[in-house]
Amino acid sequence: MSRNFKAASLAARLVENNNPNRSRRDADDDEDDEALFAELEEEIENGSNSSVREHGLQVLRAEMERMKHMQQNQYGVYSEITDEKEVVHVSAREPRCVVHFYHSKFARCEIMDKHLTKLAPKYPNTRFFRVFVENVPWLVEKLFIKVLPCVICFVDGIAKDRLVGFDELGNEDNFSPAILELRLSQSGVLKKESGSALDPLFKVSSSRHLKKDDDDEVFDL
């Protein structure tokens, strides 16, 4: 395996954060990423073109910092926040949030959980989390939440849209995940990953290698 192709493979692995099967990370994952970063950094440093080498290292380090920030803030996963003040803080601070207000006794909330769990890894630029309504009484009253499940979309700290019950999803429990995705996208809360800053490095390395080888439930307040 050539050095350029190896670097491209490591870059692809390093920025892989949209895989639905990797909804959770542990210490081993972080250690693997650090090791891959170091190895890829070495590959770039050993490149023959000094200008490309310097630019590549800058891009790589910036990408690694971006990934760490997203991992620390639980982007790409569907999480739960139990503290009401933290819910307010996160929804106001983050640019895009999908917040599911749920109750553990409601079957349709469980269905919504299932779909959001699968949807979150597809949109690593959006925070996805759920909130147990009994933990956030002030928010429930302020946001006039009466029917569950209730999914509210926050964009730049403002509640832009909400999905109440399953009425807009065909009012059926077995609605298609694509319908939910389309409905949420109408609020502007979902933003597709435009591509990693490492993509150009990946493309160049790959090309070189190829050439060389030639019903709703009511929540009563």
N, C-alpha and C. Protein backbone atom coordinates (compact mmCIF):
# COMPACT_ATOMS: atom_id res chain seq x y z
N MET A 1 0.85 -1.20 0.00
CA MET A 1 0.00 0.00 0.00
C MET A 1 0.88 1.25 0.00
N SER A 2 0.61 2.16 -0.92
CA SER A 2 1.41 3.37 -1.01
C SER A 2 1.16 4.29 0.17
N ARG A 3 2.10 5.20 0.41
CA ARG A 3 1.98 6.14 1.52
C ARG A 3 0.79 7.07 1.32
N ASN A 4 0.60 7.54 0.10
CA ASN A 4 -0.50 8.46 -0.17
C ASN A 4 -1.85 7.80 0.04
N PHE A 5 -1.96 6.56 -0.43
CA PHE A 5 -3.23 5.87 -0.26
C PHE A 5 -3.48 5.55 1.21
N LYS A 6 -2.43 5.23 1.93
CA LYS A 6 -2.57 4.96 3.36
C LYS A 6 -3.05 6.21 4.08
N ALA A 7 -2.51 7.36 3.72
CA ALA A 7 -2.94 8.63 4.33
C ALA A 7 -4.39 8.90 4.02
N ALA A 8 -4.81 8.61 2.79
CA ALA A 8 -6.20 8.82 2.41
C ALA A 8 -7.13 7.92 3.22
N SER A 9 -6.72 6.68 3.41
CA SER A 9 -7.53 5.75 4.19
C SER A 9 -7.66 6.20 5.63
N LEU A 10 -6.56 6.68 6.20
CA LEU A 10 -6.58 7.17 7.57
C LEU A 10 -7.44 8.41 7.69
N ALA A 11 -7.40 9.28 6.71
CA ALA A 11 -8.22 10.49 6.73
C ALA A 11 -9.69 10.14 6.71
N ALA A 12 -10.04 9.18 5.87
CA ALA A 12 -11.44 8.76 5.78
C ALA A 12 -11.91 8.19 7.11
N ARG A 13 -11.06 7.39 7.75
CA ARG A 13 -11.41 6.81 9.04
C ARG A 13 -11.52 7.88 10.12
N LEU A 14 -10.64 8.85 10.07
CA LEU A 14 -10.58 9.89 11.09
C LEU A 14 -11.83 10.74 11.11
N VAL A 15 -12.40 11.01 9.96
CA VAL A 15 -13.56 11.90 9.89
C VAL A 15 -14.86 11.14 9.78
N GLU A 16 -14.84 9.82 10.00
CA GLU A 16 -16.06 9.03 9.93
C GLU A 16 -16.85 9.25 11.20
N ASN A 17 -17.92 10.09 11.11
CA ASN A 17 -18.74 10.35 12.29
C ASN A 17 -20.22 10.28 11.98
N ASN A 18 -20.58 9.72 10.82
CA ASN A 18 -21.98 9.63 10.42
C ASN A 18 -22.50 8.21 10.40
N ASN A 19 -21.72 7.27 10.90
CA ASN A 19 -22.14 5.88 10.87
C ASN A 19 -23.18 5.63 11.95
N PRO A 20 -24.45 5.22 11.57
CA PRO A 20 -25.49 5.00 12.57
C PRO A 20 -25.13 3.92 13.58
N ASN A 21 -24.22 3.03 13.23
CA ASN A 21 -23.84 1.95 14.13
C ASN A 21 -22.84 2.40 15.18
N ARG A 22 -22.39 3.67 15.10
CA ARG A 22 -21.43 4.19 16.06
C ARG A 22 -22.05 5.32 16.84
N SER A 23 -23.22 5.05 17.44
CA SER A 23 -23.94 6.09 18.17
C SER A 23 -23.28 6.40 19.50
N ARG A 24 -22.42 5.50 19.96
CA ARG A 24 -21.72 5.74 21.21
C ARG A 24 -20.23 5.61 21.00
N ARG A 25 -19.51 6.43 21.73
CA ARG A 25 -18.06 6.37 21.67
C ARG A 25 -17.53 6.07 23.07
N ASP A 26 -16.39 5.43 23.13
CA ASP A 26 -15.77 5.18 24.42
C ASP A 26 -14.31 5.61 24.37
N ALA A 27 -13.59 5.35 25.44
CA ALA A 27 -12.20 5.78 25.52
C ALA A 27 -11.35 5.15 24.42
N ASP A 28 -11.64 3.90 24.08
CA ASP A 28 -10.87 3.22 23.04
C ASP A 28 -11.02 3.93 21.70
N ASP A 29 -12.25 4.41 21.40
CA ASP A 29 -12.47 5.14 20.16
C ASP A 29 -11.61 6.40 20.12
N ASP A 30 -11.58 7.13 21.23
CA ASP A 30 -10.80 8.36 21.28
C ASP A 30 -9.31 8.07 21.12
N GLU A 31 -8.84 6.99 21.74
CA GLU A 31 -7.43 6.62 21.62
C GLU A 31 -7.10 6.23 20.19
N ASP A 32 -8.02 5.52 19.54
CA ASP A 32 -7.82 5.14 18.15
C ASP A 32 -7.70 6.38 17.26
N ASP A 33 -8.58 7.35 17.50
CA ASP A 33 -8.53 8.58 16.70
C ASP A 33 -7.22 9.32 16.90
N GLU A 34 -6.75 9.37 18.15
CA GLU A 34 -5.48 10.05 18.43
C GLU A 34 -4.33 9.34 17.70
N ALA A 35 -4.35 8.02 17.72
CA ALA A 35 -3.30 7.26 17.06
C ALA A 35 -3.35 7.46 15.55
N LEU A 36 -4.55 7.46 15.00
CA LEU A 36 -4.71 7.67 13.57
C LEU A 36 -4.26 9.07 13.17
N PHE A 37 -4.59 10.04 14.02
CA PHE A 37 -4.16 11.42 13.75
C PHE A 37 -2.63 11.50 13.70
N ALA A 38 -1.99 10.90 14.67
CA ALA A 38 -0.53 10.94 14.71
C ALA A 38 0.08 10.25 13.50
N GLU A 39 -0.50 9.14 13.10
CA GLU A 39 0.02 8.41 11.95
C GLU A 39 -0.19 9.18 10.66
N LEU A 40 -1.37 9.77 10.52
CA LEU A 40 -1.66 10.55 9.32
C LEU A 40 -0.79 11.81 9.27
N GLU A 41 -0.57 12.41 10.45
CA GLU A 41 0.29 13.58 10.53
C GLU A 41 1.70 13.23 10.04
N GLU A 42 2.16 12.07 10.43
CA GLU A 42 3.50 11.63 10.01
C GLU A 42 3.55 11.42 8.50
N GLU A 43 2.47 10.86 7.97
CA GLU A 43 2.42 10.63 6.52
C GLU A 43 2.51 11.95 5.76
N ILE A 44 1.77 12.96 6.25
CA ILE A 44 1.78 14.25 5.56
C ILE A 44 3.14 14.92 5.70
N GLU A 45 3.74 14.82 6.88
CA GLU A 45 5.05 15.44 7.12
C GLU A 45 6.12 14.85 6.20
N ASN A 46 5.94 13.60 5.82
CA ASN A 46 6.92 12.94 4.96
C ASN A 46 6.68 13.21 3.48
N GLY A 47 5.70 14.03 3.18
CA GLY A 47 5.42 14.36 1.79
C GLY A 47 6.54 15.17 1.18
N SER A 48 6.66 15.10 -0.14
CA SER A 48 7.76 15.77 -0.83
C SER A 48 7.50 17.24 -1.10
N ASN A 49 6.23 17.63 -1.20
CA ASN A 49 5.89 19.02 -1.50
C ASN A 49 5.70 19.79 -0.20
N SER A 50 6.56 20.75 0.07
CA SER A 50 6.54 21.46 1.35
C SER A 50 5.28 22.29 1.55
N SER A 51 4.80 22.96 0.49
CA SER A 51 3.60 23.79 0.62
C SER A 51 2.37 22.95 0.87
N VAL A 52 2.27 21.84 0.15
CA VAL A 52 1.15 20.92 0.35
C VAL A 52 1.23 20.30 1.73
N ARG A 53 2.45 20.00 2.16
CA ARG A 53 2.65 19.40 3.48
C ARG A 53 2.20 20.34 4.59
N GLU A 54 2.58 21.61 4.51
CA GLU A 54 2.20 22.58 5.54
C GLU A 54 0.69 22.80 5.57
N HIS A 55 0.10 22.94 4.40
CA HIS A 55 -1.35 23.13 4.33
C HIS A 55 -2.09 21.91 4.85
N GLY A 56 -1.59 20.73 4.49
CA GLY A 56 -2.23 19.50 4.93
C GLY A 56 -2.24 19.35 6.44
N LEU A 57 -1.13 19.73 7.08
CA LEU A 57 -1.05 19.64 8.53
C LEU A 57 -2.01 20.62 9.20
N GLN A 58 -2.13 21.82 8.65
CA GLN A 58 -3.05 22.82 9.20
C GLN A 58 -4.49 22.33 9.10
N VAL A 59 -4.84 21.79 7.94
CA VAL A 59 -6.19 21.28 7.73
C VAL A 59 -6.48 20.12 8.66
N LEU A 60 -5.52 19.23 8.79
CA LEU A 60 -5.70 18.05 9.63
C LEU A 60 -5.92 18.43 11.09
N ARG A 61 -5.12 19.36 11.60
CA ARG A 61 -5.25 19.77 13.00
C ARG A 61 -6.57 20.49 13.25
N ALA A 62 -6.98 21.33 12.30
CA ALA A 62 -8.26 22.04 12.44
C ALA A 62 -9.42 21.06 12.43
N GLU A 63 -9.32 20.04 11.59
CA GLU A 63 -10.38 19.04 11.51
C GLU A 63 -10.45 18.23 12.80
N MET A 64 -9.33 17.93 13.37
CA MET A 64 -9.30 17.16 14.61
C MET A 64 -9.93 17.96 15.74
N GLU A 65 -9.66 19.26 15.80
CA GLU A 65 -10.26 20.11 16.82
C GLU A 65 -11.77 20.19 16.65
N ARG A 66 -12.20 20.27 15.40
CA ARG A 66 -13.65 20.32 15.12
C ARG A 66 -14.32 19.03 15.59
N MET A 67 -13.69 17.91 15.32
CA MET A 67 -14.24 16.62 15.73
C MET A 67 -14.33 16.52 17.25
N LYS A 68 -13.29 16.97 17.94
CA LYS A 68 -13.29 16.90 19.40
C LYS A 68 -14.41 17.74 19.98
N HIS A 69 -14.61 18.94 19.41
CA HIS A 69 -15.69 19.82 19.87
C HIS A 69 -17.04 19.16 19.70
N MET A 70 -17.27 18.53 18.55
CA MET A 70 -18.55 17.90 18.28
C MET A 70 -18.78 16.70 19.18
N GLN A 71 -17.73 15.94 19.43
CA GLN A 71 -17.84 14.77 20.30
C GLN A 71 -18.14 15.19 21.74
N GLN A 72 -17.45 16.23 22.20
CA GLN A 72 -17.65 16.71 23.57
C GLN A 72 -19.05 17.26 23.77
N ASN A 73 -19.65 17.81 22.73
CA ASN A 73 -20.99 18.38 22.82
C ASN A 73 -22.06 17.43 22.32
N GLN A 74 -21.71 16.17 22.14
CA GLN A 74 -22.64 15.09 21.82
C GLN A 74 -23.38 15.30 20.51
N TYR A 75 -22.70 15.83 19.54
CA TYR A 75 -23.26 15.88 18.19
C TYR A 75 -23.17 14.49 17.58
N GLY A 76 -24.14 14.20 16.70
CA GLY A 76 -24.14 12.92 16.02
C GLY A 76 -24.75 11.78 16.81
N VAL A 77 -25.23 12.07 18.02
CA VAL A 77 -25.89 11.05 18.83
C VAL A 77 -27.18 11.62 19.39
N TYR A 78 -28.07 10.73 19.78
CA TYR A 78 -29.34 11.12 20.41
C TYR A 78 -29.18 10.91 21.90
N SER A 79 -29.11 11.99 22.65
CA SER A 79 -28.84 11.92 24.08
C SER A 79 -30.04 12.39 24.89
N GLU A 80 -29.88 12.45 26.20
CA GLU A 80 -30.93 12.93 27.09
C GLU A 80 -30.34 13.95 28.07
N ILE A 81 -31.08 15.02 28.30
CA ILE A 81 -30.70 16.03 29.28
C ILE A 81 -31.75 16.04 30.38
N THR A 82 -31.32 15.93 31.61
CA THR A 82 -32.26 15.83 32.73
C THR A 82 -32.40 17.12 33.52
N ASP A 83 -31.46 18.03 33.38
CA ASP A 83 -31.49 19.29 34.12
C ASP A 83 -32.16 20.38 33.28
N GLU A 84 -33.18 21.03 33.87
CA GLU A 84 -33.95 22.02 33.12
C GLU A 84 -33.10 23.21 32.69
N LYS A 85 -32.22 23.67 33.56
CA LYS A 85 -31.36 24.80 33.20
C LYS A 85 -30.43 24.46 32.05
N GLU A 86 -29.96 23.23 32.03
CA GLU A 86 -29.08 22.82 30.94
C GLU A 86 -29.84 22.75 29.62
N VAL A 87 -31.09 22.32 29.67
CA VAL A 87 -31.92 22.28 28.46
C VAL A 87 -32.04 23.69 27.88
N VAL A 88 -32.32 24.65 28.75
CA VAL A 88 -32.45 26.04 28.32
C VAL A 88 -31.12 26.53 27.74
N HIS A 89 -30.05 26.22 28.42
CA HIS A 89 -28.73 26.68 27.99
C HIS A 89 -28.34 26.10 26.63
N VAL A 90 -28.50 24.81 26.48
CA VAL A 90 -28.10 24.16 25.23
C VAL A 90 -28.95 24.62 24.06
N SER A 91 -30.27 24.66 24.25
CA SER A 91 -31.15 25.06 23.15
C SER A 91 -30.93 26.51 22.75
N ALA A 92 -30.45 27.33 23.67
CA ALA A 92 -30.17 28.73 23.35
C ALA A 92 -28.79 28.92 22.74
N ARG A 93 -27.86 28.09 23.12
CA ARG A 93 -26.46 28.25 22.68
C ARG A 93 -26.16 27.60 21.34
N GLU A 94 -26.67 26.40 21.14
CA GLU A 94 -26.34 25.67 19.93
C GLU A 94 -27.11 26.20 18.73
N PRO A 95 -26.53 26.20 17.55
CA PRO A 95 -27.21 26.76 16.37
C PRO A 95 -28.43 25.98 15.92
N ARG A 96 -28.41 24.66 16.11
CA ARG A 96 -29.54 23.84 15.68
C ARG A 96 -29.77 22.71 16.68
N CYS A 97 -31.00 22.61 17.19
CA CYS A 97 -31.35 21.56 18.15
C CYS A 97 -32.71 20.95 17.82
N VAL A 98 -32.78 19.64 17.91
CA VAL A 98 -34.05 18.92 17.83
C VAL A 98 -34.30 18.33 19.21
N VAL A 99 -35.34 18.82 19.87
CA VAL A 99 -35.60 18.44 21.26
C VAL A 99 -36.92 17.69 21.35
N HIS A 100 -36.86 16.47 21.85
CA HIS A 100 -38.05 15.64 22.01
C HIS A 100 -38.50 15.67 23.47
N PHE A 101 -39.65 16.28 23.71
CA PHE A 101 -40.26 16.27 25.04
C PHE A 101 -41.12 15.01 25.13
N TYR A 102 -40.78 14.14 26.08
CA TYR A 102 -41.41 12.83 26.11
C TYR A 102 -41.88 12.45 27.52
N HIS A 103 -42.67 11.38 27.56
CA HIS A 103 -43.03 10.72 28.83
C HIS A 103 -42.80 9.23 28.66
N SER A 104 -42.22 8.62 29.65
CA SER A 104 -41.84 7.22 29.55
C SER A 104 -43.01 6.26 29.43
N LYS A 105 -44.22 6.71 29.79
CA LYS A 105 -45.39 5.83 29.73
C LYS A 105 -46.12 5.91 28.39
N PHE A 106 -45.66 6.76 27.50
CA PHE A 106 -46.34 6.95 26.22
C PHE A 106 -45.63 6.15 25.13
N ALA A 107 -46.38 5.24 24.51
CA ALA A 107 -45.79 4.36 23.49
C ALA A 107 -45.28 5.15 22.29
N ARG A 108 -46.00 6.19 21.93
CA ARG A 108 -45.57 6.95 20.75
C ARG A 108 -44.28 7.74 21.00
N CYS A 109 -44.02 8.03 22.22
CA CYS A 109 -42.74 8.67 22.54
C CYS A 109 -41.59 7.69 22.30
N GLU A 110 -41.83 6.43 22.60
CA GLU A 110 -40.82 5.41 22.35
C GLU A 110 -40.55 5.27 20.86
N ILE A 111 -41.62 5.35 20.07
CA ILE A 111 -41.46 5.28 18.61
C ILE A 111 -40.64 6.45 18.11
N MET A 112 -40.95 7.64 18.62
CA MET A 112 -40.19 8.82 18.21
C MET A 112 -38.72 8.69 18.61
N ASP A 113 -38.47 8.16 19.80
CA ASP A 113 -37.10 7.93 20.24
C ASP A 113 -36.34 7.06 19.24
N LYS A 114 -36.99 6.01 18.80
CA LYS A 114 -36.34 5.07 17.87
C LYS A 114 -35.92 5.76 16.58
N HIS A 115 -36.82 6.58 16.05
CA HIS A 115 -36.51 7.27 14.79
C HIS A 115 -35.44 8.34 14.96
N LEU A 116 -35.51 9.09 16.04
CA LEU A 116 -34.52 10.14 16.26
C LEU A 116 -33.13 9.57 16.53
N THR A 117 -33.09 8.40 17.15
CA THR A 117 -31.81 7.74 17.39
C THR A 117 -31.11 7.41 16.07
N LYS A 118 -31.90 7.00 15.09
CA LYS A 118 -31.33 6.68 13.78
C LYS A 118 -31.02 7.93 12.96
N LEU A 119 -31.79 8.98 13.19
CA LEU A 119 -31.64 10.20 12.40
C LEU A 119 -30.43 11.04 12.84
N ALA A 120 -30.16 11.05 14.12
CA ALA A 120 -29.10 11.91 14.66
C ALA A 120 -27.74 11.73 13.99
N PRO A 121 -27.26 10.51 13.75
CA PRO A 121 -25.93 10.37 13.13
C PRO A 121 -25.85 10.91 11.71
N LYS A 122 -26.99 11.07 11.06
CA LYS A 122 -27.00 11.59 9.70
C LYS A 122 -26.75 13.10 9.66
N TYR A 123 -26.99 13.76 10.79
CA TYR A 123 -26.87 15.22 10.84
C TYR A 123 -25.98 15.64 12.01
N PRO A 124 -24.68 15.46 11.88
CA PRO A 124 -23.76 15.77 12.98
C PRO A 124 -23.62 17.25 13.28
N ASN A 125 -24.26 18.12 12.48
CA ASN A 125 -24.24 19.55 12.76
C ASN A 125 -25.45 20.00 13.56
N THR A 126 -26.28 19.06 13.98
CA THR A 126 -27.48 19.36 14.76
C THR A 126 -27.46 18.56 16.05
N ARG A 127 -27.82 19.19 17.16
CA ARG A 127 -27.93 18.48 18.43
C ARG A 127 -29.30 17.80 18.52
N PHE A 128 -29.32 16.55 18.83
CA PHE A 128 -30.55 15.78 19.04
C PHE A 128 -30.56 15.31 20.49
N PHE A 129 -31.61 15.65 21.24
CA PHE A 129 -31.72 15.12 22.59
C PHE A 129 -33.18 15.10 23.04
N ARG A 130 -33.44 14.30 24.06
CA ARG A 130 -34.79 14.20 24.59
C ARG A 130 -34.83 14.73 26.02
N VAL A 131 -36.05 15.11 26.45
CA VAL A 131 -36.25 15.68 27.77
C VAL A 131 -37.50 15.07 28.38
N PHE A 132 -37.38 14.51 29.58
CA PHE A 132 -38.53 13.95 30.28
C PHE A 132 -39.34 15.11 30.84
N VAL A 133 -40.63 15.19 30.44
CA VAL A 133 -41.44 16.36 30.78
C VAL A 133 -41.55 16.61 32.28
N GLU A 134 -41.51 15.57 33.09
CA GLU A 134 -41.62 15.77 34.54
C GLU A 134 -40.37 16.44 35.12
N ASN A 135 -39.29 16.44 34.37
CA ASN A 135 -38.06 17.09 34.83
C ASN A 135 -38.01 18.57 34.48
N VAL A 136 -38.89 19.00 33.58
CA VAL A 136 -38.82 20.39 33.10
C VAL A 136 -40.19 21.06 33.15
N PRO A 137 -40.81 21.18 34.31
CA PRO A 137 -42.17 21.75 34.41
C PRO A 137 -42.25 23.19 33.93
N TRP A 138 -41.22 23.98 34.19
CA TRP A 138 -41.24 25.37 33.75
C TRP A 138 -41.27 25.47 32.23
N LEU A 139 -40.45 24.68 31.57
CA LEU A 139 -40.42 24.68 30.11
C LEU A 139 -41.71 24.16 29.51
N VAL A 140 -42.27 23.13 30.12
CA VAL A 140 -43.53 22.58 29.63
C VAL A 140 -44.62 23.64 29.62
N GLU A 141 -44.64 24.44 30.69
CA GLU A 141 -45.64 25.51 30.77
C GLU A 141 -45.32 26.64 29.80
N LYS A 142 -44.08 27.04 29.76
CA LYS A 142 -43.68 28.17 28.92
C LYS A 142 -43.86 27.87 27.43
N LEU A 143 -43.60 26.64 27.04
CA LEU A 143 -43.70 26.25 25.64
C LEU A 143 -45.07 25.67 25.28
N PHE A 144 -46.00 25.72 26.23
CA PHE A 144 -47.38 25.25 26.00
C PHE A 144 -47.42 23.82 25.46
N ILE A 145 -46.68 22.96 26.08
CA ILE A 145 -46.65 21.55 25.66
C ILE A 145 -47.82 20.82 26.31
N LYS A 146 -48.75 20.37 25.49
CA LYS A 146 -49.96 19.70 25.98
C LYS A 146 -50.09 18.27 25.46
N VAL A 147 -49.53 18.01 24.30
CA VAL A 147 -49.66 16.70 23.65
C VAL A 147 -48.27 16.12 23.42
N LEU A 148 -48.14 14.84 23.67
CA LEU A 148 -46.88 14.14 23.46
C LEU A 148 -47.06 13.02 22.44
N PRO A 149 -46.01 12.70 21.71
CA PRO A 149 -44.69 13.34 21.75
C PRO A 149 -44.72 14.74 21.14
N CYS A 150 -43.84 15.57 21.62
CA CYS A 150 -43.69 16.92 21.09
C CYS A 150 -42.22 17.15 20.76
N VAL A 151 -41.95 17.40 19.51
CA VAL A 151 -40.58 17.65 19.06
C VAL A 151 -40.47 19.11 18.64
N ILE A 152 -39.60 19.86 19.31
CA ILE A 152 -39.44 21.28 19.00
C ILE A 152 -38.07 21.51 18.37
N CYS A 153 -38.08 22.28 17.29
CA CYS A 153 -36.86 22.58 16.56
C CYS A 153 -36.37 23.98 16.91
N PHE A 154 -35.19 24.06 17.46
CA PHE A 154 -34.58 25.35 17.81
C PHE A 154 -33.49 25.69 16.80
N VAL A 155 -33.57 26.91 16.27
CA VAL A 155 -32.54 27.40 15.35
C VAL A 155 -32.02 28.72 15.89
N ASP A 156 -30.75 28.76 16.23
CA ASP A 156 -30.13 29.95 16.82
C ASP A 156 -30.88 30.43 18.06
N GLY A 157 -31.28 29.48 18.88
CA GLY A 157 -31.92 29.80 20.16
C GLY A 157 -33.39 30.11 20.08
N ILE A 158 -33.98 30.03 18.90
CA ILE A 158 -35.40 30.35 18.73
C ILE A 158 -36.16 29.09 18.35
N ALA A 159 -37.32 28.87 19.00
CA ALA A 159 -38.17 27.73 18.66
C ALA A 159 -38.86 28.02 17.34
N LYS A 160 -38.31 27.48 16.26
CA LYS A 160 -38.80 27.77 14.92
C LYS A 160 -40.00 26.93 14.53
N ASP A 161 -40.09 25.75 15.06
CA ASP A 161 -41.13 24.83 14.59
C ASP A 161 -41.34 23.75 15.64
N ARG A 162 -42.48 23.08 15.55
CA ARG A 162 -42.74 21.96 16.44
C ARG A 162 -43.57 20.91 15.74
N LEU A 163 -43.34 19.69 16.11
CA LEU A 163 -44.08 18.54 15.60
C LEU A 163 -44.81 17.93 16.78
N VAL A 164 -46.14 18.01 16.75
CA VAL A 164 -46.97 17.56 17.87
C VAL A 164 -47.69 16.28 17.49
N GLY A 165 -47.46 15.24 18.25
CA GLY A 165 -48.10 13.97 17.94
C GLY A 165 -47.66 13.42 16.60
N PHE A 166 -48.52 12.60 16.01
CA PHE A 166 -48.19 11.97 14.73
C PHE A 166 -49.08 12.47 13.60
N ASP A 167 -49.86 13.54 13.85
CA ASP A 167 -50.80 14.03 12.84
C ASP A 167 -50.11 14.33 11.51
N GLU A 168 -48.97 14.96 11.56
CA GLU A 168 -48.26 15.32 10.34
C GLU A 168 -47.40 14.18 9.79
N LEU A 169 -47.46 13.06 10.43
CA LEU A 169 -46.69 11.89 9.99
C LEU A 169 -47.60 10.77 9.51
N GLY A 170 -48.84 11.13 9.16
CA GLY A 170 -49.80 10.15 8.68
C GLY A 170 -50.67 9.58 9.77
N ASN A 171 -50.43 10.03 11.02
CA ASN A 171 -51.19 9.56 12.18
C ASN A 171 -51.16 8.04 12.31
N GLU A 172 -50.02 7.47 11.97
CA GLU A 172 -49.83 6.03 12.08
C GLU A 172 -48.53 5.75 12.83
N ASP A 173 -48.54 4.67 13.59
CA ASP A 173 -47.34 4.35 14.36
C ASP A 173 -46.18 3.87 13.48
N ASN A 174 -46.51 3.31 12.33
CA ASN A 174 -45.46 2.76 11.46
C ASN A 174 -45.10 3.71 10.33
N PHE A 175 -45.05 5.01 10.63
CA PHE A 175 -44.70 5.97 9.60
C PHE A 175 -43.24 5.78 9.16
N SER A 176 -42.97 6.23 7.95
CA SER A 176 -41.63 6.10 7.40
C SER A 176 -40.67 7.11 8.03
N PRO A 177 -39.45 6.70 8.34
CA PRO A 177 -38.46 7.64 8.87
C PRO A 177 -38.22 8.81 7.93
N ALA A 178 -38.37 8.57 6.63
CA ALA A 178 -38.15 9.63 5.65
C ALA A 178 -39.16 10.76 5.81
N ILE A 179 -40.39 10.41 6.22
CA ILE A 179 -41.42 11.42 6.43
C ILE A 179 -41.02 12.34 7.58
N LEU A 180 -40.52 11.75 8.65
CA LEU A 180 -40.06 12.54 9.79
C LEU A 180 -38.89 13.42 9.39
N GLU A 181 -37.96 12.87 8.67
CA GLU A 181 -36.79 13.63 8.23
C GLU A 181 -37.19 14.81 7.36
N LEU A 182 -38.12 14.57 6.42
CA LEU A 182 -38.59 15.64 5.54
C LEU A 182 -39.29 16.72 6.34
N ARG A 183 -40.13 16.29 7.29
CA ARG A 183 -40.88 17.27 8.09
C ARG A 183 -39.93 18.14 8.92
N LEU A 184 -38.95 17.55 9.53
CA LEU A 184 -38.00 18.31 10.34
C LEU A 184 -37.14 19.24 9.48
N SER A 185 -36.83 18.81 8.29
CA SER A 185 -35.98 19.62 7.41
C SER A 185 -36.66 20.92 7.00
N GLN A 186 -37.99 20.94 7.03
CA GLN A 186 -38.73 22.14 6.64
C GLN A 186 -38.47 23.31 7.59
N SER A 187 -38.02 23.02 8.77
CA SER A 187 -37.77 24.08 9.76
C SER A 187 -36.37 24.66 9.64
N GLY A 188 -35.53 24.02 8.85
CA GLY A 188 -34.15 24.47 8.72
C GLY A 188 -33.23 23.96 9.81
N VAL A 189 -33.72 23.04 10.62
CA VAL A 189 -32.91 22.54 11.73
C VAL A 189 -31.95 21.43 11.30
N LEU A 190 -32.20 20.86 10.14
CA LEU A 190 -31.33 19.80 9.65
C LEU A 190 -30.40 20.35 8.57
N LYS A 191 -29.14 20.15 8.75
CA LYS A 191 -28.16 20.63 7.78
C LYS A 191 -27.23 19.49 7.41
N LYS A 192 -27.21 19.18 6.14
CA LYS A 192 -26.37 18.10 5.67
C LYS A 192 -24.89 18.45 5.82
N GLU A 193 -24.13 17.44 6.14
CA GLU A 193 -22.68 17.62 6.22
C GLU A 193 -22.17 17.96 4.84
N SER A 194 -21.52 19.10 4.70
CA SER A 194 -21.04 19.54 3.39
C SER A 194 -19.75 18.86 2.97
N GLY A 195 -19.18 18.08 3.86
CA GLY A 195 -17.93 17.42 3.54
C GLY A 195 -16.82 17.88 4.47
N SER A 196 -15.90 17.02 4.70
CA SER A 196 -14.80 17.34 5.60
C SER A 196 -13.76 18.20 4.90
N ALA A 197 -13.06 18.98 5.69
CA ALA A 197 -11.96 19.77 5.15
C ALA A 197 -10.84 18.87 4.65
N LEU A 198 -10.87 17.60 5.04
CA LEU A 198 -9.85 16.66 4.58
C LEU A 198 -10.19 16.03 3.24
N ASP A 199 -11.38 16.30 2.72
CA ASP A 199 -11.79 15.70 1.46
C ASP A 199 -10.79 15.94 0.33
N PRO A 200 -10.29 17.18 0.15
CA PRO A 200 -9.31 17.39 -0.92
C PRO A 200 -8.08 16.51 -0.77
N LEU A 201 -7.61 16.33 0.45
CA LEU A 201 -6.45 15.47 0.68
C LEU A 201 -6.78 14.04 0.31
N PHE A 202 -7.98 13.63 0.66
CA PHE A 202 -8.41 12.27 0.37
C PHE A 202 -8.46 12.04 -1.13
N LYS A 203 -9.04 13.01 -1.86
CA LYS A 203 -9.19 12.86 -3.31
C LYS A 203 -7.84 12.83 -4.01
N VAL A 204 -6.94 13.72 -3.59
CA VAL A 204 -5.62 13.75 -4.21
C VAL A 204 -4.88 12.46 -3.97
N SER A 205 -4.91 11.99 -2.73
CA SER A 205 -4.19 10.77 -2.40
C SER A 205 -4.76 9.58 -3.15
N SER A 206 -6.07 9.50 -3.23
CA SER A 206 -6.72 8.39 -3.91
C SER A 206 -6.38 8.40 -5.38
N SER A 207 -6.41 9.57 -6.00
CA SER A 207 -6.13 9.65 -7.43
C SER A 207 -4.69 9.24 -7.73
N ARG A 208 -3.78 9.64 -6.85
CA ARG A 208 -2.39 9.25 -7.05
C ARG A 208 -2.23 7.74 -6.97
N HIS A 209 -2.93 7.15 -6.03
CA HIS A 209 -2.84 5.71 -5.87
C HIS A 209 -3.40 4.99 -7.08
N LEU A 210 -4.51 5.48 -7.61
CA LEU A 210 -5.12 4.85 -8.77
C LEU A 210 -4.21 4.95 -9.98
N LYS A 211 -3.58 6.10 -10.14
CA LYS A 211 -2.67 6.26 -11.27
C LYS A 211 -1.48 5.32 -11.12
N LYS A 212 -1.06 5.21 -9.89
CA LYS A 212 0.09 4.34 -9.68
C LYS A 212 -0.32 2.90 -9.91
N ASP A 213 -1.33 2.44 -9.60
CA ASP A 213 -1.78 1.08 -9.80
C ASP A 213 -2.51 0.91 -11.13
N ASP A 214 -2.63 1.97 -11.62
CA ASP A 214 -3.39 2.05 -12.86
C ASP A 214 -4.51 1.04 -12.75
N ASP A 215 -52.29 7.08 17.19
CA ASP A 215 -53.11 8.10 17.73
C ASP A 215 -52.32 8.82 18.84
N ASP A 216 -52.50 10.21 19.22
CA ASP A 216 -51.71 11.03 20.11
C ASP A 216 -52.14 10.87 21.58
N GLU A 217 -51.23 10.98 22.49
CA GLU A 217 -51.54 10.86 23.90
C GLU A 217 -51.41 12.22 24.57
N VAL A 218 -52.43 12.56 25.40
CA VAL A 218 -52.49 13.89 25.99
C VAL A 218 -51.76 13.92 27.32
N PHE A 219 -50.96 14.95 27.50
CA PHE A 219 -50.23 15.14 28.75
C PHE A 219 -50.93 16.23 29.54
N ASP A 220 -51.53 15.87 30.67
CA ASP A 220 -52.26 16.84 31.48
C ASP A 220 -51.33 17.51 32.46
N LEU A 221 -51.33 18.84 32.44
CA LEU A 221 -50.51 19.60 33.37
C LEU A 221 -51.17 19.67 34.74
